[in-house]
């Protein structure tokens, strides 16, 4: 069986964790935007992209 690994930079891992918490309604878009220094609109776009990925 072939096992794949994904390596993330610290910044990417943090971004992923914040977006996941936002998708689970543990953070608001505003809180996520402040944590990542992004706009609320950018958070909304990241959430859309993240929810459309199939793993």
PDB file of N, CA and C in Angstrom:
ATOM      1  N   UNK A   1       0.841  -1.174   0.000  1.00  0.00           N
ATOM      2  CA  UNK A   1       0.000   0.000   0.000  1.00  0.00           C
ATOM      3  C   UNK A   1       0.890   1.244   0.000  1.00  0.00           C
ATOM      4  N   UNK A   2       0.592   2.180  -0.870  1.00  0.00           N
ATOM      5  CA  UNK A   2       1.355   3.413  -0.978  1.00  0.00           C
ATOM      6  C   UNK A   2       0.774   4.455  -0.029  1.00  0.00           C
ATOM      7  N   UNK A   3       1.609   5.000   0.816  1.00  0.00           N
ATOM      8  CA  UNK A   3       1.159   5.983   1.803  1.00  0.00           C
ATOM      9  C   UNK A   3       1.713   7.350   1.416  1.00  0.00           C
ATOM     10  N   UNK A   4       0.838   8.344   1.324  1.00  0.00           N
ATOM     11  CA  UNK A   4       1.256   9.689   0.966  1.00  0.00           C
ATOM     12  C   UNK A   4       1.403  10.542   2.209  1.00  0.00           C
ATOM     13  N   UNK A   5       2.374  11.438   2.155  1.00  0.00           N
ATOM     14  CA  UNK A   5       2.579  12.384   3.249  1.00  0.00           C
ATOM     15  C   UNK A   5       2.412  13.794   2.725  1.00  0.00           C
ATOM     16  N   UNK A   6       1.884  14.639   3.559  1.00  0.00           N
ATOM     17  CA  UNK A   6       1.738  16.048   3.214  1.00  0.00           C
ATOM     18  C   UNK A   6       2.535  16.850   4.219  1.00  0.00           C
ATOM     19  N   UNK A   7       3.427  17.670   3.720  1.00  0.00           N
ATOM     20  CA  UNK A   7       4.227  18.535   4.582  1.00  0.00           C
ATOM     21  C   UNK A   7       3.687  19.950   4.495  1.00  0.00           C
ATOM     22  N   UNK A   8       3.437  20.542   5.635  1.00  0.00           N
ATOM     23  CA  UNK A   8       2.930  21.912   5.676  1.00  0.00           C
ATOM     24  C   UNK A   8       3.893  22.804   6.443  1.00  0.00           C
ATOM     25  N   UNK A   9       3.973  24.027   5.996  1.00  0.00           N
ATOM     26  CA  UNK A   9       4.706  25.017   6.771  1.00  0.00           C
ATOM     27  C   UNK A   9       3.863  25.369   7.989  1.00  0.00           C
ATOM     28  N   UNK A  10       4.497  25.905   8.987  1.00  0.00           N
ATOM     29  CA  UNK A  10       3.800  26.266  10.217  1.00  0.00           C
ATOM     30  C   UNK A  10       2.627  27.205   9.939  1.00  0.00           C
ATOM     31  N   UNK A  11       2.838  28.171   9.061  1.00  0.00           N
ATOM     32  CA  UNK A  11       1.788  29.129   8.721  1.00  0.00           C
ATOM     33  C   UNK A  11       0.598  28.423   8.075  1.00  0.00           C
ATOM     34  N   UNK A  12       0.869  27.478   7.186  1.00  0.00           N
ATOM     35  CA  UNK A  12      -0.202  26.748   6.507  1.00  0.00           C
ATOM     36  C   UNK A  12      -0.977  25.870   7.480  1.00  0.00           C
ATOM     37  N   UNK A  13      -0.268  25.267   8.416  1.00  0.00           N
ATOM     38  CA  UNK A  13      -0.923  24.431   9.421  1.00  0.00           C
ATOM     39  C   UNK A  13      -1.840  25.275  10.299  1.00  0.00           C
ATOM     40  N   UNK A  14      -1.357  26.426  10.719  1.00  0.00           N
ATOM     41  CA  UNK A  14      -2.170  27.338  11.532  1.00  0.00           C
ATOM     42  C   UNK A  14      -3.402  27.768  10.759  1.00  0.00           C
ATOM     43  N   UNK A  15      -3.229  28.118   9.492  1.00  0.00           N
ATOM     44  CA  UNK A  15      -4.356  28.540   8.654  1.00  0.00           C
ATOM     45  C   UNK A  15      -5.386  27.411   8.557  1.00  0.00           C
ATOM     46  N   UNK A  16      -4.917  26.208   8.328  1.00  0.00           N
ATOM     47  CA  UNK A  16      -5.814  25.056   8.225  1.00  0.00           C
ATOM     48  C   UNK A  16      -6.590  24.851   9.529  1.00  0.00           C
ATOM     49  N   UNK A  17      -5.896  24.927  10.649  1.00  0.00           N
ATOM     50  CA  UNK A  17      -6.552  24.716  11.946  1.00  0.00           C
ATOM     51  C   UNK A  17      -7.598  25.786  12.216  1.00  0.00           C
ATOM     52  N   UNK A  18      -7.299  27.029  11.900  1.00  0.00           N
ATOM     53  CA  UNK A  18      -8.255  28.121  12.138  1.00  0.00           C
ATOM     54  C   UNK A  18      -9.475  27.958  11.236  1.00  0.00           C
ATOM     55  N   UNK A  19      -9.262  27.622   9.974  1.00  0.00           N
ATOM     56  CA  UNK A  19     -10.388  27.451   9.052  1.00  0.00           C
ATOM     57  C   UNK A  19     -11.244  26.256   9.479  1.00  0.00           C
ATOM     58  N   UNK A  20     -10.622  25.176   9.914  1.00  0.00           N
ATOM     59  CA  UNK A  20     -11.384  24.021  10.397  1.00  0.00           C
ATOM     60  C   UNK A  20     -12.240  24.396  11.600  1.00  0.00           C
ATOM     61  N   UNK A  21     -11.681  25.154  12.531  1.00  0.00           N
ATOM     62  CA  UNK A  21     -12.452  25.591  13.706  1.00  0.00           C
ATOM     63  C   UNK A  21     -13.610  26.491  13.288  1.00  0.00           C
ATOM     64  N   UNK A  22     -13.373  27.296  12.283  1.00  0.00           N
ATOM     65  CA  UNK A  22     -14.415  28.184  11.772  1.00  0.00           C
ATOM     66  C   UNK A  22     -15.536  27.357  11.120  1.00  0.00           C
ATOM     67  N   UNK A  23     -15.167  26.334  10.355  1.00  0.00           N
ATOM     68  CA  UNK A  23     -16.160  25.469   9.718  1.00  0.00           C
ATOM     69  C   UNK A  23     -16.979  24.698  10.752  1.00  0.00           C
ATOM     70  N   UNK A  24     -16.383  24.402  11.887  1.00  0.00           N
ATOM     71  CA  UNK A  24     -17.078  23.685  12.964  1.00  0.00           C
ATOM     72  C   UNK A  24     -17.846  24.627  13.893  1.00  0.00           C
ATOM     73  N   UNK A  25     -17.896  25.900  13.524  1.00  0.00           N
ATOM     74  CA  UNK A  25     -18.594  26.948  14.285  1.00  0.00           C
ATOM     75  C   UNK A  25     -17.999  27.171  15.669  1.00  0.00           C
ATOM     76  N   UNK A  26     -16.706  26.913  15.810  1.00  0.00           N
ATOM     77  CA  UNK A  26     -16.031  27.200  17.074  1.00  0.00           C
ATOM     78  C   UNK A  26     -15.381  28.580  17.044  1.00  0.00           C
ATOM     79  N   UNK A  27     -15.274  29.160  15.852  1.00  0.00           N
ATOM     80  CA  UNK A  27     -14.775  30.521  15.671  1.00  0.00           C
ATOM     81  C   UNK A  27     -15.692  31.237  14.688  1.00  0.00           C
ATOM     82  N   UNK A  28     -15.840  32.526  14.864  1.00  0.00           N
ATOM     83  CA  UNK A  28     -16.583  33.318  13.888  1.00  0.00           C
ATOM     84  C   UNK A  28     -15.635  33.711  12.762  1.00  0.00           C
ATOM     85  N   UNK A  29     -16.211  34.163  11.650  1.00  0.00           N
ATOM     86  CA  UNK A  29     -15.381  34.639  10.545  1.00  0.00           C
ATOM     87  C   UNK A  29     -14.501  35.803  11.000  1.00  0.00           C
ATOM     88  N   UNK A  30     -15.048  36.656  11.821  1.00  0.00           N
ATOM     89  CA  UNK A  30     -14.283  37.806  12.309  1.00  0.00           C
ATOM     90  C   UNK A  30     -13.103  37.356  13.174  1.00  0.00           C
ATOM     91  N   UNK A  31     -13.343  36.420  14.076  1.00  0.00           N
ATOM     92  CA  UNK A  31     -12.260  35.913  14.931  1.00  0.00           C
ATOM     93  C   UNK A  31     -11.174  35.243  14.088  1.00  0.00           C
ATOM     94  N   UNK A  32     -11.602  34.488  13.089  1.00  0.00           N
ATOM     95  CA  UNK A  32     -10.633  33.831  12.200  1.00  0.00           C
ATOM     96  C   UNK A  32      -9.840  34.863  11.405  1.00  0.00           C
ATOM     97  N   UNK A  33     -10.508  35.899  10.941  1.00  0.00           N
ATOM     98  CA  UNK A  33      -9.811  36.928  10.164  1.00  0.00           C
ATOM     99  C   UNK A  33      -8.781  37.659  11.022  1.00  0.00           C
ATOM    100  N   UNK A  34      -9.104  37.888  12.278  1.00  0.00           N
ATOM    101  CA  UNK A  34      -8.154  38.544  13.181  1.00  0.00           C
ATOM    102  C   UNK A  34      -6.977  37.618  13.501  1.00  0.00           C
ATOM    103  N   UNK A  35      -7.250  36.336  13.667  1.00  0.00           N
ATOM    104  CA  UNK A  35      -6.192  35.381  13.989  1.00  0.00           C
ATOM    105  C   UNK A  35      -5.202  35.221  12.833  1.00  0.00           C
ATOM    106  N   UNK A  36      -5.717  35.318  11.598  1.00  0.00           N
ATOM    107  CA  UNK A  36      -4.865  35.101  10.425  1.00  0.00           C
ATOM    108  C   UNK A  36      -4.456  36.391   9.719  1.00  0.00           C
ATOM    109  N   UNK A  37      -4.884  37.526  10.249  1.00  0.00           N
ATOM    110  CA  UNK A  37      -4.596  38.827   9.624  1.00  0.00           C
ATOM    111  C   UNK A  37      -5.097  38.883   8.187  1.00  0.00           C
ATOM    112  N   UNK A  38      -6.330  38.408   7.997  1.00  0.00           N
ATOM    113  CA  UNK A  38      -6.985  38.441   6.694  1.00  0.00           C
ATOM    114  C   UNK A  38      -8.323  39.149   6.850  1.00  0.00           C
ATOM    115  N   UNK A  39      -8.945  39.480   5.720  1.00  0.00           N
ATOM    116  CA  UNK A  39     -10.267  40.086   5.789  1.00  0.00           C
ATOM    117  C   UNK A  39     -11.320  39.001   5.985  1.00  0.00           C
ATOM    118  N   UNK A  40     -12.490  39.414   6.429  1.00  0.00           N
ATOM    119  CA  UNK A  40     -13.592  38.476   6.627  1.00  0.00           C
ATOM    120  C   UNK A  40     -13.944  37.826   5.284  1.00  0.00           C
ATOM    121  N   UNK A  41     -13.903  38.594   4.222  1.00  0.00           N
ATOM    122  CA  UNK A  41     -14.217  38.067   2.884  1.00  0.00           C
ATOM    123  C   UNK A  41     -13.211  36.976   2.478  1.00  0.00           C
ATOM    124  N   UNK A  42     -11.946  37.184   2.790  1.00  0.00           N
ATOM    125  CA  UNK A  42     -10.936  36.173   2.481  1.00  0.00           C
ATOM    126  C   UNK A  42     -11.192  34.885   3.264  1.00  0.00           C
ATOM    127  N   UNK A  43     -11.641  35.024   4.502  1.00  0.00           N
ATOM    128  CA  UNK A  43     -11.979  33.851   5.320  1.00  0.00           C
ATOM    129  C   UNK A  43     -13.144  33.105   4.680  1.00  0.00           C
ATOM    130  N   UNK A  44     -14.149  33.829   4.235  1.00  0.00           N
ATOM    131  CA  UNK A  44     -15.297  33.201   3.595  1.00  0.00           C
ATOM    132  C   UNK A  44     -14.861  32.428   2.354  1.00  0.00           C
ATOM    133  N   UNK A  45     -13.958  32.998   1.576  1.00  0.00           N
ATOM    134  CA  UNK A  45     -13.457  32.313   0.382  1.00  0.00           C
ATOM    135  C   UNK A  45     -12.658  31.063   0.752  1.00  0.00           C
ATOM    136  N   UNK A  46     -11.831  31.152   1.788  1.00  0.00           N
ATOM    137  CA  UNK A  46     -11.063  29.988   2.232  1.00  0.00           C
ATOM    138  C   UNK A  46     -11.990  28.876   2.717  1.00  0.00           C
ATOM    139  N   UNK A  47     -13.066  29.247   3.402  1.00  0.00           N
ATOM    140  CA  UNK A  47     -14.027  28.257   3.875  1.00  0.00           C
ATOM    141  C   UNK A  47     -14.699  27.553   2.693  1.00  0.00           C
ATOM    142  N   UNK A  48     -15.056  28.302   1.663  1.00  0.00           N
ATOM    143  CA  UNK A  48     -15.665  27.706   0.477  1.00  0.00           C
ATOM    144  C   UNK A  48     -14.705  26.733  -0.188  1.00  0.00           C
ATOM    145  N   UNK A  49     -13.464  27.159  -0.352  1.00  0.00           N
ATOM    146  CA  UNK A  49     -12.438  26.307  -0.978  1.00  0.00           C
ATOM    147  C   UNK A  49     -12.212  25.048  -0.149  1.00  0.00           C
ATOM    148  N   UNK A  50     -12.130  25.221   1.144  1.00  0.00           N
ATOM    149  CA  UNK A  50     -11.844  24.100   2.035  1.00  0.00           C
ATOM    150  C   UNK A  50     -12.987  23.091   2.051  1.00  0.00           C
ATOM    151  N   UNK A  51     -14.208  23.568   2.051  1.00  0.00           N
ATOM    152  CA  UNK A  51     -15.353  22.658   2.119  1.00  0.00           C
ATOM    153  C   UNK A  51     -15.573  21.930   0.800  1.00  0.00           C
ATOM    154  N   UNK A  52     -15.026  22.438  -0.308  1.00  0.00           N
ATOM    155  CA  UNK A  52     -15.216  21.779  -1.599  1.00  0.00           C
ATOM    156  C   UNK A  52     -14.140  20.734  -1.892  1.00  0.00           C
ATOM    157  N   UNK A  53     -13.102  20.663  -1.048  1.00  0.00           N
ATOM    158  CA  UNK A  53     -12.036  19.680  -1.248  1.00  0.00           C
ATOM    159  C   UNK A  53     -12.504  18.312  -0.783  1.00  0.00           C
ATOM    160  N   UNK A  54     -12.187  17.312  -1.554  1.00  0.00           N
ATOM    161  CA  UNK A  54     -12.514  15.931  -1.176  1.00  0.00           C
ATOM    162  C   UNK A  54     -11.240  15.184  -0.903  1.00  0.00           C
ATOM    163  N   UNK A  55     -11.102  14.665   0.315  1.00  0.00           N
ATOM    164  CA  UNK A  55      -9.917  13.883   0.675  1.00  0.00           C
ATOM    165  C   UNK A  55     -10.289  12.468   0.901  1.00  0.00           C
TER     166      UNK A  55
END
